[in-house]
C-alpha atoms as a PDB file:
ATOM      1  CA  MET A   1     -27.441   8.228   7.771  1.00  0.00           C
ATOM      2  CA  ILE A   2     -24.571  10.567   9.380  1.00  0.00           C
ATOM      3  CA  GLN A   3     -25.004   8.381  12.845  1.00  0.00           C
ATOM      4  CA  ILE A   4     -24.431   5.286  10.832  1.00  0.00           C
ATOM      5  CA  LEU A   5     -21.018   6.663   9.325  1.00  0.00           C
ATOM      6  CA  GLU A   6     -20.055   7.769  12.927  1.00  0.00           C
ATOM      7  CA  ASN A   7     -20.036   4.140  13.951  1.00  0.00           C
ATOM      8  CA  LYS A   8     -16.427   2.848  15.095  1.00  0.00           C
ATOM      9  CA  ARG A   9     -16.956  -0.454  13.348  1.00  0.00           C
ATOM     10  CA  ILE A  10     -17.425   1.212   9.688  1.00  0.00           C
ATOM     11  CA  ILE A  11     -13.392   1.275   9.677  1.00  0.00           C
ATOM     12  CA  LEU A  12     -13.379  -2.704  10.150  1.00  0.00           C
ATOM     13  CA  PHE A  13     -15.857  -2.957   7.702  1.00  0.00           C
ATOM     14  CA  ALA A  14     -13.921  -0.875   5.131  1.00  0.00           C
ATOM     15  CA  ILE A  15     -10.788  -3.023   5.866  1.00  0.00           C
ATOM     16  CA  PHE A  16     -12.748  -6.105   5.363  1.00  0.00           C
ATOM     17  CA  ILE A  17     -14.204  -5.031   1.914  1.00  0.00           C
ATOM     18  CA  GLY A  18     -10.745  -4.133   0.883  1.00  0.00           C
ATOM     19  CA  ILE A  19      -9.422  -7.469   1.878  1.00  0.00           C
ATOM     20  CA  SER A  20     -12.095  -9.460   0.157  1.00  0.00           C
ATOM     21  CA  ILE A  21     -12.132  -7.530  -2.894  1.00  0.00           C
ATOM     22  CA  ARG A  22      -8.320  -7.716  -3.291  1.00  0.00           C
ATOM     23  CA  ILE A  23      -8.216 -11.493  -2.632  1.00  0.00           C
ATOM     24  CA  ILE A  24     -11.119 -12.132  -4.794  1.00  0.00           C
ATOM     25  CA  ALA A  25      -9.413  -9.890  -7.537  1.00  0.00           C
ATOM     26  CA  ASN A  26      -6.216 -11.706  -7.241  1.00  0.00           C
ATOM     27  CA  TYR A  27      -7.756 -15.094  -8.250  1.00  0.00           C
ATOM     28  CA  VAL A  28     -10.275 -13.595 -10.810  1.00  0.00           C
ATOM     29  CA  PHE A  29      -8.015 -11.662 -12.828  1.00  0.00           C
ATOM     30  CA  GLU A  30      -4.923 -12.750 -14.297  1.00  0.00           C
ATOM     31  CA  ILE A  31      -2.501  -9.739 -14.215  1.00  0.00           C
ATOM     32  CA  SER A  32       0.593 -10.357 -16.262  1.00  0.00           C
ATOM     33  CA  ASN A  33       4.032 -10.000 -14.938  1.00  0.00           C
ATOM     34  CA  PHE A  34       4.971  -6.552 -16.055  1.00  0.00           C
ATOM     35  CA  VAL A  35       8.520  -5.636 -17.198  1.00  0.00           C
ATOM     36  CA  ASP A  36       8.937  -2.967 -14.338  1.00  0.00           C
ATOM     37  CA  VAL A  37       8.480  -5.680 -11.760  1.00  0.00           C
ATOM     38  CA  GLN A  38      10.767  -8.014 -13.694  1.00  0.00           C
ATOM     39  CA  ALA A  39      13.243  -4.994 -13.603  1.00  0.00           C
ATOM     40  CA  TYR A  40      12.886  -4.662  -9.774  1.00  0.00           C
ATOM     41  CA  GLU A  41      13.587  -8.240  -9.046  1.00  0.00           C
ATOM     42  CA  LYS A  42      16.410  -8.347 -11.289  1.00  0.00           C
ATOM     43  CA  ALA A  43      17.994  -5.276  -9.381  1.00  0.00           C
ATOM     44  CA  GLY A  44      17.252  -6.899  -6.003  1.00  0.00           C
ATOM     45  CA  PHE A  45      19.062 -10.104  -7.120  1.00  0.00           C
ATOM     46  CA  GLU A  46      21.897  -7.846  -8.178  1.00  0.00           C
ATOM     47  CA  ILE A  47      22.205  -5.837  -5.027  1.00  0.00           C
ATOM     48  CA  ILE A  48      22.007  -8.963  -2.945  1.00  0.00           C
ATOM     49  CA  ASN A  49      24.404 -10.874  -4.696  1.00  0.00           C
ATOM     50  CA  ASN A  50      26.673  -8.376  -6.464  1.00  0.00           C
ATOM     51  CA  PHE A  51      26.220  -5.259  -4.171  1.00  0.00           C
ATOM     52  CA  ARG A  52      25.483  -3.068  -7.031  1.00  0.00           C
ATOM     53  CA  ILE A  53      22.769  -2.259  -9.950  1.00  0.00           C
ATOM     54  CA  GLU A  54      23.626  -2.368 -13.410  1.00  0.00           C
ATOM     55  CA  LYS A  55      20.370  -0.208 -14.388  1.00  0.00           C
ATOM     56  CA  HIS A  56      20.263   3.208 -12.486  1.00  0.00           C
ATOM     57  CA  ILE A  57      16.725   3.857 -13.116  1.00  0.00           C
ATOM     58  CA  VAL A  58      15.597   1.207 -10.321  1.00  0.00           C
ATOM     59  CA  MET A  59      14.837   2.179  -6.713  1.00  0.00           C
ATOM     60  CA  PRO A  60      17.250  -0.131  -4.634  1.00  0.00           C
ATOM     61  CA  LEU A  61      14.910  -0.666  -1.552  1.00  0.00           C
ATOM     62  CA  TYR A  62      11.962  -1.798  -3.559  1.00  0.00           C
ATOM     63  CA  GLY A  63      14.100  -4.033  -5.865  1.00  0.00           C
ATOM     64  CA  ILE A  64      15.451  -5.836  -2.534  1.00  0.00           C
ATOM     65  CA  VAL A  65      11.845  -6.125  -1.083  1.00  0.00           C
ATOM     66  CA  VAL A  66      10.370  -7.560  -4.701  1.00  0.00           C
ATOM     67  CA  TYR A  67      13.443 -10.120  -4.759  1.00  0.00           C
ATOM     68  CA  LEU A  68      13.300 -11.300  -1.168  1.00  0.00           C
ATOM     69  CA  ASN A  69       9.111 -11.476  -1.519  1.00  0.00           C
ATOM     70  CA  LYS A  70       9.436 -13.502  -4.755  1.00  0.00           C
ATOM     71  CA  LYS A  71      11.998 -15.893  -2.968  1.00  0.00           C
ATOM     72  CA  PHE A  72      10.043 -16.543   0.290  1.00  0.00           C
ATOM     73  CA  PHE A  73       6.640 -15.289  -0.248  1.00  0.00           C
ATOM     74  CA  ASP A  74       4.016 -14.191  -2.651  1.00  0.00           C
ATOM     75  CA  LEU A  75       4.569 -10.506  -4.290  1.00  0.00           C
ATOM     76  CA  ASN A  76       0.861 -10.060  -4.214  1.00  0.00           C
ATOM     77  CA  SER A  77       0.334 -11.079  -0.527  1.00  0.00           C
ATOM     78  CA  PHE A  78       3.000  -8.303   0.324  1.00  0.00           C
ATOM     79  CA  ASN A  79       1.182  -5.642  -1.829  1.00  0.00           C
ATOM     80  CA  ILE A  80      -2.129  -6.606  -0.785  1.00  0.00           C
ATOM     81  CA  ILE A  81      -1.068  -6.369   3.070  1.00  0.00           C
ATOM     82  CA  PHE A  82       0.345  -2.771   2.273  1.00  0.00           C
ATOM     83  CA  SER A  83      -2.794  -1.933   0.282  1.00  0.00           C
ATOM     84  CA  ILE A  84      -4.612  -2.798   3.518  1.00  0.00           C
ATOM     85  CA  ILE A  85      -2.477  -0.480   5.721  1.00  0.00           C
ATOM     86  CA  ASN A  86      -3.062   2.145   3.258  1.00  0.00           C
ATOM     87  CA  ILE A  87      -6.926   2.103   3.928  1.00  0.00           C
ATOM     88  CA  TYR A  88      -6.292   2.475   7.714  1.00  0.00           C
ATOM     89  CA  VAL A  89      -3.865   5.119   7.307  1.00  0.00           C
ATOM     90  CA  VAL A  90      -6.169   7.183   5.040  1.00  0.00           C
ATOM     91  CA  TYR A  91      -8.830   6.587   8.027  1.00  0.00           C
ATOM     92  CA  LEU A  92      -6.099   8.153  10.323  1.00  0.00           C
ATOM     93  CA  LEU A  93      -5.275  10.878   8.336  1.00  0.00           C
ATOM     94  CA  SER A  94      -8.836  11.989   7.445  1.00  0.00           C
ATOM     95  CA  LYS A  95      -9.809  11.949  10.994  1.00  0.00           C
ATOM     96  CA  LYS A  96      -6.850  13.996  11.860  1.00  0.00           C
ATOM     97  CA  ILE A  97      -7.215  16.604   9.181  1.00  0.00           C
ATOM     98  CA  PHE A  98     -10.966  17.048   9.371  1.00  0.00           C
ATOM     99  CA  ASN A  99     -11.597  16.060  13.013  1.00  0.00           C
ATOM    100  CA  SER A 100     -14.716  13.853  11.908  1.00  0.00           C
ATOM    101  CA  ARG A 101     -15.198  10.206  12.258  1.00  0.00           C
ATOM    102  CA  SER A 102     -17.868  10.248   9.410  1.00  0.00           C
ATOM    103  CA  THR A 103     -15.281  11.680   6.962  1.00  0.00           C
ATOM    104  CA  ALA A 104     -12.748   9.352   7.843  1.00  0.00           C
ATOM    105  CA  ASN A 105     -15.026   6.478   7.465  1.00  0.00           C
ATOM    106  CA  ILE A 106     -16.080   7.532   3.779  1.00  0.00           C
ATOM    107  CA  SER A 107     -12.314   7.984   3.038  1.00  0.00           C
ATOM    108  CA  ALA A 108     -11.540   4.523   4.112  1.00  0.00           C
ATOM    109  CA  LEU A 109     -14.586   3.150   2.141  1.00  0.00           C
ATOM    110  CA  ILE A 110     -13.319   4.869  -0.749  1.00  0.00           C
ATOM    111  CA  MET A 111      -9.678   3.791  -0.636  1.00  0.00           C
ATOM    112  CA  ALA A 112     -10.982   0.010   0.004  1.00  0.00           C
ATOM    113  CA  ILE A 113     -12.913   0.112  -3.411  1.00  0.00           C
ATOM    114  CA  TYR A 114     -10.686   2.374  -5.263  1.00  0.00           C
ATOM    115  CA  PRO A 115      -9.785   0.489  -8.544  1.00  0.00           C
ATOM    116  CA  PHE A 116      -6.204   2.115  -8.912  1.00  0.00           C
ATOM    117  CA  ASN A 117      -5.578   0.990  -5.430  1.00  0.00           C
ATOM    118  CA  VAL A 118      -6.889  -2.811  -6.064  1.00  0.00           C
ATOM    119  CA  PHE A 119      -4.668  -2.848  -9.484  1.00  0.00           C
ATOM    120  CA  TYR A 120      -1.574  -1.431  -7.857  1.00  0.00           C
ATOM    121  CA  ALA A 121      -1.880  -4.214  -4.881  1.00  0.00           C
ATOM    122  CA  LEU A 122      -2.175  -6.986  -7.478  1.00  0.00           C
ATOM    123  CA  SER A 123       0.287  -5.767 -10.267  1.00  0.00           C
ATOM    124  CA  GLY A 124       3.656  -5.888  -8.089  1.00  0.00           C
ATOM    125  CA  PHE A 125       4.293  -2.242  -9.034  1.00  0.00           C
ATOM    126  CA  SER A 126       6.302   0.169  -6.409  1.00  0.00           C
ATOM    127  CA  GLU A 127       3.217   2.310  -6.049  1.00  0.00           C
ATOM    128  CA  THR A 128       1.390   0.597  -3.179  1.00  0.00           C
ATOM    129  CA  PHE A 129       4.575   0.525  -1.132  1.00  0.00           C
ATOM    130  CA  PHE A 130       5.509   4.091  -1.843  1.00  0.00           C
ATOM    131  CA  ILE A 131       2.020   5.473  -1.211  1.00  0.00           C
ATOM    132  CA  THR A 132       2.030   3.561   2.166  1.00  0.00           C
ATOM    133  CA  LEU A 133       5.398   5.268   2.986  1.00  0.00           C
ATOM    134  CA  LEU A 134       4.057   8.609   1.954  1.00  0.00           C
ATOM    135  CA  LEU A 135       0.737   8.459   3.921  1.00  0.00           C
ATOM    136  CA  ILE A 136       2.468   7.451   7.005  1.00  0.00           C
ATOM    137  CA  GLY A 137       4.928  10.197   6.432  1.00  0.00           C
ATOM    138  CA  PHE A 138       2.054  12.893   6.088  1.00  0.00           C
ATOM    139  CA  TYR A 139       0.367  11.333   9.187  1.00  0.00           C
ATOM    140  CA  PHE A 140       3.410  12.132  11.175  1.00  0.00           C
ATOM    141  CA  LEU A 141       3.719  15.245   9.553  1.00  0.00           C
ATOM    142  CA  ILE A 142       0.373  16.466  10.480  1.00  0.00           C
ATOM    143  CA  SER A 143       0.666  14.939  14.054  1.00  0.00           C
ATOM    144  CA  LYS A 144       3.863  17.294  14.277  1.00  0.00           C
ATOM    145  CA  LYS A 145       5.792  14.397  14.802  1.00  0.00           C
ATOM    146  CA  PHE A 146       8.540  15.952  12.520  1.00  0.00           C
ATOM    147  CA  ILE A 147      11.477  13.382  13.363  1.00  0.00           C
ATOM    148  CA  LEU A 148       9.402  10.410  12.589  1.00  0.00           C
ATOM    149  CA  SER A 149       8.022  12.111   9.412  1.00  0.00           C
ATOM    150  CA  TYR A 150      11.662  12.583   7.960  1.00  0.00           C
ATOM    151  CA  PHE A 151      12.054   8.694   8.016  1.00  0.00           C
ATOM    152  CA  PHE A 152       9.113   8.097   5.690  1.00  0.00           C
END
């Protein structure tokens, strides 16, 4: 069993499972437009058009991202892409921390099917984007690339 988990192709399988689950869930479940997402979209509109935000409880960067994605693309596609990136970054982090490909593969598989990760990828909340930046920052920190970790 351990030899199967050491296979280099397991990460590709985890990413495929993650993509499949998110795409199927996107079409099967009707997730409503949450008030938070509407606030981010409004803040992005205000920043781009007025160069200021009326409500100060919104993170400006994600507001811009939400506004531009809703204008040009689908917000769910954006979050699904970042959710898939999370799977790979968790794999890299686990491999770096535990120095074990099997542990990294198990971590990636868990991240691929973790229900909250799937929900946040489909809801439009800022958590998927934030977790991606946080995980990349941790990866650079553990890799002793301190200057890169400052940016994330």
